[in-house]
PDB file of N, CA and C in Angstrom:
ATOM      1  N   UNK A   1      12.438  42.657  40.338  1.00  0.00           N
ATOM      2  CA  UNK A   1      11.752  41.435  40.698  1.00  0.00           C
ATOM      3  C   UNK A   1      11.329  40.727  39.403  1.00  0.00           C
ATOM      4  N   UNK A   2      11.707  39.453  39.261  1.00  0.00           N
ATOM      5  CA  UNK A   2      11.323  38.712  38.047  1.00  0.00           C
ATOM      6  C   UNK A   2       9.964  38.114  38.190  1.00  0.00           C
ATOM      7  N   UNK A   3       9.259  38.080  37.116  1.00  0.00           N
ATOM      8  CA  UNK A   3       7.910  37.543  37.102  1.00  0.00           C
ATOM      9  C   UNK A   3       7.954  36.054  36.884  1.00  0.00           C
ATOM     10  N   UNK A   4       7.153  35.284  37.619  1.00  0.00           N
ATOM     11  CA  UNK A   4       7.096  33.830  37.467  1.00  0.00           C
ATOM     12  C   UNK A   4       6.567  33.457  36.093  1.00  0.00           C
ATOM     13  N   UNK A   5       7.180  32.516  35.441  1.00  0.00           N
ATOM     14  CA  UNK A   5       6.736  32.072  34.128  1.00  0.00           C
ATOM     15  C   UNK A   5       6.098  30.723  34.280  1.00  0.00           C
ATOM     16  N   UNK A   6       4.908  30.554  33.678  1.00  0.00           N
ATOM     17  CA  UNK A   6       4.225  29.254  33.698  1.00  0.00           C
ATOM     18  C   UNK A   6       5.025  28.294  32.838  1.00  0.00           C
ATOM     19  N   UNK A   7       5.395  27.185  33.414  1.00  0.00           N
ATOM     20  CA  UNK A   7       6.122  26.162  32.649  1.00  0.00           C
ATOM     21  C   UNK A   7       5.154  25.246  31.933  1.00  0.00           C
ATOM     22  N   UNK A   8       5.487  24.913  30.725  1.00  0.00           N
ATOM     23  CA  UNK A   8       4.629  24.024  29.948  1.00  0.00           C
ATOM     24  C   UNK A   8       5.049  22.595  30.172  1.00  0.00           C
ATOM     25  N   UNK A   9       6.227  22.361  30.641  1.00  0.00           N
ATOM     26  CA  UNK A   9       6.722  21.008  30.890  1.00  0.00           C
ATOM     27  C   UNK A   9       7.182  20.889  32.344  1.00  0.00           C
ATOM     28  N   UNK A  10       6.932  19.729  32.911  1.00  0.00           N
ATOM     29  CA  UNK A  10       7.329  19.508  34.292  1.00  0.00           C
ATOM     30  C   UNK A  10       8.111  18.208  34.341  1.00  0.00           C
ATOM     31  N   UNK A  11       9.269  18.231  34.999  1.00  0.00           N
ATOM     32  CA  UNK A  11      10.093  17.011  35.052  1.00  0.00           C
ATOM     33  C   UNK A  11       9.429  15.913  35.893  1.00  0.00           C
ATOM     34  N   UNK A  12       9.661  14.687  35.512  1.00  0.00           N
ATOM     35  CA  UNK A  12       9.200  13.512  36.225  1.00  0.00           C
ATOM     36  C   UNK A  12      10.374  12.543  36.284  1.00  0.00           C
ATOM     37  N   UNK A  13      10.720  12.100  37.461  1.00  0.00           N
ATOM     38  CA  UNK A  13      11.858  11.219  37.625  1.00  0.00           C
ATOM     39  C   UNK A  13      11.411   9.910  38.219  1.00  0.00           C
ATOM     40  N   UNK A  14      11.938   8.816  37.702  1.00  0.00           N
ATOM     41  CA  UNK A  14      11.586   7.471  38.208  1.00  0.00           C
ATOM     42  C   UNK A  14      12.865   6.651  38.343  1.00  0.00           C
ATOM     43  N   UNK A  15      12.843   5.772  39.286  1.00  0.00           N
ATOM     44  CA  UNK A  15      13.923   4.800  39.455  1.00  0.00           C
ATOM     45  C   UNK A  15      13.368   3.448  39.020  1.00  0.00           C
ATOM     46  N   UNK A  16      13.966   2.856  37.990  1.00  0.00           N
ATOM     47  CA  UNK A  16      13.452   1.600  37.458  1.00  0.00           C
ATOM     48  C   UNK A  16      14.576   0.555  37.403  1.00  0.00           C
ATOM     49  N   UNK A  17      14.241  -0.698  37.566  1.00  0.00           N
ATOM     50  CA  UNK A  17      15.252  -1.742  37.406  1.00  0.00           C
ATOM     51  C   UNK A  17      15.770  -1.754  35.982  1.00  0.00           C
ATOM     52  N   UNK A  18      17.004  -2.216  35.842  1.00  0.00           N
ATOM     53  CA  UNK A  18      17.668  -2.225  34.540  1.00  0.00           C
ATOM     54  C   UNK A  18      16.844  -3.052  33.525  1.00  0.00           C
ATOM     55  N   UNK A  19      16.219  -4.135  33.977  1.00  0.00           N
ATOM     56  CA  UNK A  19      15.422  -4.953  33.067  1.00  0.00           C
ATOM     57  C   UNK A  19      14.229  -4.174  32.505  1.00  0.00           C
ATOM     58  N   UNK A  20      13.588  -3.379  33.345  1.00  0.00           N
ATOM     59  CA  UNK A  20      12.450  -2.558  32.884  1.00  0.00           C
ATOM     60  C   UNK A  20      12.934  -1.539  31.846  1.00  0.00           C
ATOM     61  N   UNK A  21      14.059  -0.911  32.091  1.00  0.00           N
ATOM     62  CA  UNK A  21      14.622   0.075  31.140  1.00  0.00           C
ATOM     63  C   UNK A  21      14.901  -0.608  29.802  1.00  0.00           C
ATOM     64  N   UNK A  22      15.438  -1.800  29.867  1.00  0.00           N
ATOM     65  CA  UNK A  22      15.808  -2.515  28.641  1.00  0.00           C
ATOM     66  C   UNK A  22      14.535  -2.815  27.802  1.00  0.00           C
ATOM     67  N   UNK A  23      13.454  -3.217  28.479  1.00  0.00           N
ATOM     68  CA  UNK A  23      12.196  -3.506  27.766  1.00  0.00           C
ATOM     69  C   UNK A  23      11.638  -2.231  27.145  1.00  0.00           C
ATOM     70  N   UNK A  24      11.627  -1.160  27.955  1.00  0.00           N
ATOM     71  CA  UNK A  24      11.111   0.121  27.488  1.00  0.00           C
ATOM     72  C   UNK A  24      11.911   0.594  26.296  1.00  0.00           C
ATOM     73  N   UNK A  25      13.235   0.537  26.390  1.00  0.00           N
ATOM     74  CA  UNK A  25      14.098   1.011  25.300  1.00  0.00           C
ATOM     75  C   UNK A  25      13.883   0.188  24.027  1.00  0.00           C
ATOM     76  N   UNK A  26      13.717  -1.117  24.174  1.00  0.00           N
ATOM     77  CA  UNK A  26      13.491  -1.970  23.023  1.00  0.00           C
ATOM     78  C   UNK A  26      12.158  -1.622  22.349  1.00  0.00           C
ATOM     79  N   UNK A  27      11.111  -1.467  23.128  1.00  0.00           N
ATOM     80  CA  UNK A  27       9.815  -1.114  22.591  1.00  0.00           C
ATOM     81  C   UNK A  27       9.833   0.276  21.962  1.00  0.00           C
ATOM     82  N   UNK A  28      10.486   1.229  22.617  1.00  0.00           N
ATOM     83  CA  UNK A  28      10.564   2.576  22.066  1.00  0.00           C
ATOM     84  C   UNK A  28      11.303   2.562  20.720  1.00  0.00           C
ATOM     85  N   UNK A  29      12.379   1.790  20.643  1.00  0.00           N
ATOM     86  CA  UNK A  29      13.101   1.678  19.373  1.00  0.00           C
ATOM     87  C   UNK A  29      12.278   1.076  18.270  1.00  0.00           C
ATOM     88  N   UNK A  30      11.440   0.089  18.607  1.00  0.00           N
ATOM     89  CA  UNK A  30      10.562  -0.527  17.604  1.00  0.00           C
ATOM     90  C   UNK A  30       9.537   0.480  17.074  1.00  0.00           C
ATOM     91  N   UNK A  31       9.157   1.443  17.896  1.00  0.00           N
ATOM     92  CA  UNK A  31       8.216   2.482  17.514  1.00  0.00           C
ATOM     93  C   UNK A  31       8.905   3.694  16.938  1.00  0.00           C
ATOM     94  N   UNK A  32      10.230   3.708  16.972  1.00  0.00           N
ATOM     95  CA  UNK A  32      10.969   4.861  16.471  1.00  0.00           C
ATOM     96  C   UNK A  32      10.811   6.088  17.355  1.00  0.00           C
ATOM     97  N   UNK A  33      10.654   5.873  18.668  1.00  0.00           N
ATOM     98  CA  UNK A  33      10.444   6.953  19.611  1.00  0.00           C
ATOM     99  C   UNK A  33      11.556   6.987  20.593  1.00  0.00           C
ATOM    100  N   UNK A  34      11.711   8.103  21.273  1.00  0.00           N
ATOM    101  CA  UNK A  34      12.704   8.200  22.371  1.00  0.00           C
ATOM    102  C   UNK A  34      12.056   7.529  23.589  1.00  0.00           C
ATOM    103  N   UNK A  35      12.894   7.181  24.547  1.00  0.00           N
ATOM    104  CA  UNK A  35      12.415   6.597  25.794  1.00  0.00           C
ATOM    105  C   UNK A  35      11.406   7.523  26.464  1.00  0.00           C
ATOM    106  N   UNK A  36      11.745   8.819  26.519  1.00  0.00           N
ATOM    107  CA  UNK A  36      10.863   9.822  27.146  1.00  0.00           C
ATOM    108  C   UNK A  36       9.504   9.857  26.463  1.00  0.00           C
ATOM    109  N   UNK A  37       9.514   9.965  25.129  1.00  0.00           N
ATOM    110  CA  UNK A  37       8.254  10.018  24.393  1.00  0.00           C
ATOM    111  C   UNK A  37       7.447   8.762  24.590  1.00  0.00           C
ATOM    112  N   UNK A  38       8.122   7.597  24.538  1.00  0.00           N
ATOM    113  CA  UNK A  38       7.394   6.340  24.696  1.00  0.00           C
ATOM    114  C   UNK A  38       6.770   6.204  26.083  1.00  0.00           C
ATOM    115  N   UNK A  39       7.516   6.557  27.132  1.00  0.00           N
ATOM    116  CA  UNK A  39       7.015   6.422  28.478  1.00  0.00           C
ATOM    117  C   UNK A  39       5.898   7.433  28.735  1.00  0.00           C
ATOM    118  N   UNK A  40       6.070   8.664  28.232  1.00  0.00           N
ATOM    119  CA  UNK A  40       5.029   9.689  28.405  1.00  0.00           C
ATOM    120  C   UNK A  40       3.753   9.247  27.741  1.00  0.00           C
ATOM    121  N   UNK A  41       3.822   8.775  26.499  1.00  0.00           N
ATOM    122  CA  UNK A  41       2.610   8.357  25.793  1.00  0.00           C
ATOM    123  C   UNK A  41       1.943   7.182  26.499  1.00  0.00           C
ATOM    124  N   UNK A  42       2.725   6.204  26.939  1.00  0.00           N
ATOM    125  CA  UNK A  42       2.143   5.048  27.650  1.00  0.00           C
ATOM    126  C   UNK A  42       1.487   5.455  28.951  1.00  0.00           C
ATOM    127  N   UNK A  43       2.146   6.345  29.698  1.00  0.00           N
ATOM    128  CA  UNK A  43       1.612   6.791  30.992  1.00  0.00           C
ATOM    129  C   UNK A  43       0.307   7.593  30.780  1.00  0.00           C
ATOM    130  N   UNK A  44       0.303   8.456  29.793  1.00  0.00           N
ATOM    131  CA  UNK A  44      -0.912   9.242  29.539  1.00  0.00           C
ATOM    132  C   UNK A  44      -2.062   8.363  29.096  1.00  0.00           C
ATOM    133  N   UNK A  45      -1.766   7.390  28.215  1.00  0.00           N
ATOM    134  CA  UNK A  45      -2.811   6.457  27.744  1.00  0.00           C
ATOM    135  C   UNK A  45      -3.357   5.644  28.911  1.00  0.00           C
ATOM    136  N   UNK A  46      -2.499   5.185  29.802  1.00  0.00           N
ATOM    137  CA  UNK A  46      -2.951   4.398  30.981  1.00  0.00           C
ATOM    138  C   UNK A  46      -3.798   5.294  31.885  1.00  0.00           C
ATOM    139  N   UNK A  47      -3.395   6.531  32.062  1.00  0.00           N
ATOM    140  CA  UNK A  47      -4.149   7.459  32.928  1.00  0.00           C
ATOM    141  C   UNK A  47      -5.527   7.718  32.329  1.00  0.00           C
ATOM    142  N   UNK A  48      -5.602   7.923  31.016  1.00  0.00           N
ATOM    143  CA  UNK A  48      -6.887   8.162  30.359  1.00  0.00           C
ATOM    144  C   UNK A  48      -7.792   6.958  30.504  1.00  0.00           C
ATOM    145  N   UNK A  49      -7.221   5.739  30.386  1.00  0.00           N
ATOM    146  CA  UNK A  49      -8.026   4.517  30.551  1.00  0.00           C
ATOM    147  C   UNK A  49      -8.651   4.481  31.952  1.00  0.00           C
ATOM    148  N   UNK A  50      -7.854   4.749  32.974  1.00  0.00           N
ATOM    149  CA  UNK A  50      -8.330   4.735  34.329  1.00  0.00           C
ATOM    150  C   UNK A  50      -9.445   5.776  34.534  1.00  0.00           C
ATOM    151  N   UNK A  51      -9.211   6.981  34.004  1.00  0.00           N
ATOM    152  CA  UNK A  51     -10.222   8.042  34.171  1.00  0.00           C
ATOM    153  C   UNK A  51     -11.491   7.681  33.445  1.00  0.00           C
ATOM    154  N   UNK A  52     -11.410   7.055  32.271  1.00  0.00           N
ATOM    155  CA  UNK A  52     -12.613   6.691  31.518  1.00  0.00           C
ATOM    156  C   UNK A  52     -13.410   5.617  32.263  1.00  0.00           C
ATOM    157  N   UNK A  53     -12.723   4.735  32.965  1.00  0.00           N
ATOM    158  CA  UNK A  53     -13.393   3.694  33.756  1.00  0.00           C
ATOM    159  C   UNK A  53     -14.097   4.312  34.959  1.00  0.00           C
ATOM    160  N   UNK A  54     -13.558   5.373  35.490  1.00  0.00           N
ATOM    161  CA  UNK A  54     -14.055   5.940  36.740  1.00  0.00           C
ATOM    162  C   UNK A  54     -15.107   7.045  36.556  1.00  0.00           C
ATOM    163  N   UNK A  55     -15.075   7.679  35.410  1.00  0.00           N
ATOM    164  CA  UNK A  55     -16.008   8.806  35.197  1.00  0.00           C
ATOM    165  C   UNK A  55     -17.385   8.305  34.760  1.00  0.00           C
ATOM    166  N   UNK A  56     -18.426   8.865  35.343  1.00  0.00           N
ATOM    167  CA  UNK A  56     -19.767   8.444  34.922  1.00  0.00           C
ATOM    168  C   UNK A  56     -20.068   9.049  33.554  1.00  0.00           C
ATOM    169  N   UNK A  57     -20.923   8.367  32.815  1.00  0.00           N
ATOM    170  CA  UNK A  57     -21.358   8.876  31.524  1.00  0.00           C
ATOM    171  C   UNK A  57     -22.630   9.699  31.808  1.00  0.00           C
ATOM    172  N   UNK A  58     -22.613  10.928  31.330  1.00  0.00           N
ATOM    173  CA  UNK A  58     -23.765  11.807  31.549  1.00  0.00           C
ATOM    174  C   UNK A  58     -24.477  12.024  30.245  1.00  0.00           C
ATOM    175  N   UNK A  59     -25.817  12.009  30.304  1.00  0.00           N
ATOM    176  CA  UNK A  59     -26.609  12.328  29.132  1.00  0.00           C
ATOM    177  C   UNK A  59     -27.952  12.910  29.584  1.00  0.00           C
ATOM    178  N   UNK A  60     -28.578  13.560  28.681  1.00  0.00           N
ATOM    179  CA  UNK A  60     -29.884  14.176  28.962  1.00  0.00           C
ATOM    180  C   UNK A  60     -30.924  13.069  29.081  1.00  0.00           C
ATOM    181  N   UNK A  61     -32.044  13.389  29.706  1.00  0.00           N
ATOM    182  CA  UNK A  61     -33.132  12.381  29.771  1.00  0.00           C
ATOM    183  C   UNK A  61     -33.571  11.915  28.387  1.00  0.00           C
ATOM    184  N   UNK A  62     -33.611  12.839  27.429  1.00  0.00           N
ATOM    185  CA  UNK A  62     -33.985  12.480  26.056  1.00  0.00           C
ATOM    186  C   UNK A  62     -32.937  11.522  25.446  1.00  0.00           C
ATOM    187  N   UNK A  63     -31.671  11.874  25.653  1.00  0.00           N
ATOM    188  CA  UNK A  63     -30.586  11.027  25.134  1.00  0.00           C
ATOM    189  C   UNK A  63     -30.617   9.655  25.749  1.00  0.00           C
ATOM    190  N   UNK A  64     -30.920   9.572  27.075  1.00  0.00           N
ATOM    191  CA  UNK A  64     -30.983   8.300  27.760  1.00  0.00           C
ATOM    192  C   UNK A  64     -32.098   7.456  27.220  1.00  0.00           C
ATOM    193  N   UNK A  65     -33.264   8.064  26.966  1.00  0.00           N
ATOM    194  CA  UNK A  65     -34.384   7.314  26.391  1.00  0.00           C
ATOM    195  C   UNK A  65     -34.015   6.762  25.048  1.00  0.00           C
ATOM    196  N   UNK A  66     -33.358   7.548  24.242  1.00  0.00           N
ATOM    197  CA  UNK A  66     -32.924   7.071  22.893  1.00  0.00           C
ATOM    198  C   UNK A  66     -31.919   5.928  23.028  1.00  0.00           C
ATOM    199  N   UNK A  67     -31.035   6.022  23.974  1.00  0.00           N
ATOM    200  CA  UNK A  67     -30.019   4.960  24.229  1.00  0.00           C
ATOM    201  C   UNK A  67     -30.718   3.680  24.635  1.00  0.00           C
ATOM    202  N   UNK A  68     -31.652   3.750  25.583  1.00  0.00           N
ATOM    203  CA  UNK A  68     -32.372   2.572  26.042  1.00  0.00           C
ATOM    204  C   UNK A  68     -33.197   1.970  24.911  1.00  0.00           C
ATOM    205  N   UNK A  69     -33.809   2.820  24.083  1.00  0.00           N
ATOM    206  CA  UNK A  69     -34.596   2.344  22.957  1.00  0.00           C
ATOM    207  C   UNK A  69     -33.701   1.592  21.941  1.00  0.00           C
ATOM    208  N   UNK A  70     -32.519   2.097  21.701  1.00  0.00           N
ATOM    209  CA  UNK A  70     -31.597   1.429  20.770  1.00  0.00           C
ATOM    210  C   UNK A  70     -31.179   0.070  21.308  1.00  0.00           C
ATOM    211  N   UNK A  71     -30.946  -0.013  22.611  1.00  0.00           N
ATOM    212  CA  UNK A  71     -30.556  -1.285  23.215  1.00  0.00           C
ATOM    213  C   UNK A  71     -31.699  -2.261  23.252  1.00  0.00           C
ATOM    214  N   UNK A  72     -32.921  -1.767  23.292  1.00  0.00           N
ATOM    215  CA  UNK A  72     -34.116  -2.626  23.410  1.00  0.00           C
ATOM    216  C   UNK A  72     -34.562  -3.195  22.066  1.00  0.00           C
ATOM    217  N   UNK A  73     -34.127  -2.592  20.944  1.00  0.00           N
ATOM    218  CA  UNK A  73     -34.538  -3.085  19.633  1.00  0.00           C
ATOM    219  C   UNK A  73     -33.907  -4.481  19.388  1.00  0.00           C
ATOM    220  N   UNK A  74     -34.605  -5.306  18.622  1.00  0.00           N
ATOM    221  CA  UNK A  74     -34.043  -6.615  18.297  1.00  0.00           C
ATOM    222  C   UNK A  74     -32.734  -6.461  17.507  1.00  0.00           C
ATOM    223  N   UNK A  75     -31.850  -7.372  17.678  1.00  0.00           N
ATOM    224  CA  UNK A  75     -30.577  -7.352  16.971  1.00  0.00           C
ATOM    225  C   UNK A  75     -30.826  -7.630  15.507  1.00  0.00           C
ATOM    226  N   UNK A  76     -30.012  -7.065  14.654  1.00  0.00           N
ATOM    227  CA  UNK A  76     -30.097  -7.364  13.200  1.00  0.00           C
ATOM    228  C   UNK A  76     -28.724  -7.716  12.717  1.00  0.00           C
ATOM    229  N   UNK A  77     -28.724  -8.591  11.725  1.00  0.00           N
ATOM    230  CA  UNK A  77     -27.452  -9.059  11.166  1.00  0.00           C
ATOM    231  C   UNK A  77     -26.746  -7.954  10.394  1.00  0.00           C
ATOM    232  N   UNK A  78     -25.452  -7.917  10.528  1.00  0.00           N
ATOM    233  CA  UNK A  78     -24.617  -6.971   9.748  1.00  0.00           C
ATOM    234  C   UNK A  78     -24.022  -7.817   8.643  1.00  0.00           C
ATOM    235  N   UNK A  79     -24.371  -7.544   7.370  1.00  0.00           N
ATOM    236  CA  UNK A  79     -23.930  -8.381   6.238  1.00  0.00           C
ATOM    237  C   UNK A  79     -22.386  -8.593   6.227  1.00  0.00           C
ATOM    238  N   UNK A  80     -21.616  -7.561   6.490  1.00  0.00           N
ATOM    239  CA  UNK A  80     -20.166  -7.697   6.487  1.00  0.00           C
ATOM    240  C   UNK A  80     -19.668  -8.679   7.563  1.00  0.00           C
ATOM    241  N   UNK A  81     -20.310  -8.648   8.718  1.00  0.00           N
ATOM    242  CA  UNK A  81     -19.922  -9.580   9.789  1.00  0.00           C
ATOM    243  C   UNK A  81     -20.308 -10.995   9.440  1.00  0.00           C
ATOM    244  N   UNK A  82     -21.483 -11.170   8.832  1.00  0.00           N
ATOM    245  CA  UNK A  82     -21.913 -12.511   8.413  1.00  0.00           C
ATOM    246  C   UNK A  82     -20.963 -13.102   7.410  1.00  0.00           C
ATOM    247  N   UNK A  83     -20.438 -12.280   6.507  1.00  0.00           N
ATOM    248  CA  UNK A  83     -19.486 -12.760   5.510  1.00  0.00           C
ATOM    249  C   UNK A  83     -18.206 -13.221   6.198  1.00  0.00           C
ATOM    250  N   UNK A  84     -17.755 -12.454   7.194  1.00  0.00           N
ATOM    251  CA  UNK A  84     -16.539 -12.846   7.918  1.00  0.00           C
ATOM    252  C   UNK A  84     -16.736 -14.149   8.656  1.00  0.00           C
ATOM    253  N   UNK A  85     -17.897 -14.389   9.231  1.00  0.00           N
ATOM    254  CA  UNK A  85     -18.166 -15.628   9.937  1.00  0.00           C
ATOM    255  C   UNK A  85     -18.231 -16.821   9.025  1.00  0.00           C
ATOM    256  N   UNK A  86     -18.581 -16.613   7.755  1.00  0.00           N
ATOM    257  CA  UNK A  86     -18.647 -17.695   6.784  1.00  0.00           C
ATOM    258  C   UNK A  86     -17.251 -18.140   6.338  1.00  0.00           C
ATOM    259  N   UNK A  87     -16.318 -17.270   6.424  1.00  0.00           N
ATOM    260  CA  UNK A  87     -14.936 -17.596   5.920  1.00  0.00           C
ATOM    261  C   UNK A  87     -14.214 -18.521   6.899  1.00  0.00           C
ATOM    262  N   UNK A  88     -13.343 -19.328   6.335  1.00  0.00           N
ATOM    263  CA  UNK A  88     -12.456 -20.159   7.178  1.00  0.00           C
ATOM    264  C   UNK A  88     -11.312 -19.275   7.651  1.00  0.00           C
ATOM    265  N   UNK A  89     -10.830 -19.564   8.857  1.00  0.00           N
ATOM    266  CA  UNK A  89      -9.681 -18.831   9.376  1.00  0.00           C
ATOM    267  C   UNK A  89      -8.437 -19.210   8.584  1.00  0.00           C
ATOM    268  N   UNK A  90      -7.504 -18.287   8.398  1.00  0.00           N
ATOM    269  CA  UNK A  90      -6.284 -18.617   7.623  1.00  0.00           C
ATOM    270  C   UNK A  90      -5.535 -19.826   8.147  1.00  0.00           C
ATOM    271  N   UNK A  91      -5.523 -20.046   9.471  1.00  0.00           N
ATOM    272  CA  UNK A  91      -4.799 -21.197  10.024  1.00  0.00           C
ATOM    273  C   UNK A  91      -5.535 -22.502   9.765  1.00  0.00           C
ATOM    274  N   UNK A  92      -6.812 -22.409   9.385  1.00  0.00           N
ATOM    275  CA  UNK A  92      -7.570 -23.634   9.088  1.00  0.00           C
ATOM    276  C   UNK A  92      -7.399 -24.024   7.615  1.00  0.00           C
ATOM    277  N   UNK A  93      -7.073 -23.079   6.756  1.00  0.00           N
ATOM    278  CA  UNK A  93      -6.997 -23.361   5.325  1.00  0.00           C
ATOM    279  C   UNK A  93      -5.591 -23.300   4.757  1.00  0.00           C
ATOM    280  N   UNK A  94      -4.645 -22.788   5.548  1.00  0.00           N
ATOM    281  CA  UNK A  94      -3.308 -22.660   5.070  1.00  0.00           C
ATOM    282  C   UNK A  94      -3.037 -21.432   4.251  1.00  0.00           C
ATOM    283  N   UNK A  95      -4.021 -20.559   4.125  1.00  0.00           N
ATOM    284  CA  UNK A  95      -3.860 -19.333   3.338  1.00  0.00           C
ATOM    285  C   UNK A  95      -4.638 -18.189   3.964  1.00  0.00           C
ATOM    286  N   UNK A  96      -4.347 -17.024   3.551  1.00  0.00           N
ATOM    287  CA  UNK A  96      -5.044 -15.845   4.114  1.00  0.00           C
ATOM    288  C   UNK A  96      -6.396 -15.654   3.469  1.00  0.00           C
ATOM    289  N   UNK A  97      -7.461 -15.965   4.212  1.00  0.00           N
ATOM    290  CA  UNK A  97      -8.799 -15.688   3.747  1.00  0.00           C
ATOM    291  C   UNK A  97      -9.335 -16.618   2.678  1.00  0.00           C
ATOM    292  N   UNK A  98      -8.638 -17.766   2.451  1.00  0.00           N
ATOM    293  CA  UNK A  98      -9.130 -18.700   1.427  1.00  0.00           C
ATOM    294  C   UNK A  98     -10.393 -19.360   1.910  1.00  0.00           C
ATOM    295  N   UNK A  99     -11.299 -19.593   0.990  1.00  0.00           N
ATOM    296  CA  UNK A  99     -12.570 -20.263   1.335  1.00  0.00           C
ATOM    297  C   UNK A  99     -12.332 -21.784   1.196  1.00  0.00           C
ATOM    298  N   UNK A 100     -12.972 -22.549   2.048  1.00  0.00           N
ATOM    299  CA  UNK A 100     -12.889 -24.033   1.967  1.00  0.00           C
ATOM    300  C   UNK A 100     -13.944 -24.569   1.066  1.00  0.00           C
TER     301      UNK A 100
END
């Protein structure tokens, strides 16, 4: 009697329109990935996004108090962000990051 072996990989089959396959293949080629790797990565990323939206965030009462306290403090300027806001956009000046 042979012993069942736990498989690390499980097949997944999909039927897709030719246009979808063409888009997937083009994107996979741009990333230097196989179709399988590209689709697997995209599917897992999408699944993680859905799960992160659905799962509640849990924290201790002490952690929650610290979180609320941080949100309640007055905002303070971040010098690096203020510098970015002072700069003209590249499309406004004709160059990358040039000052007006």
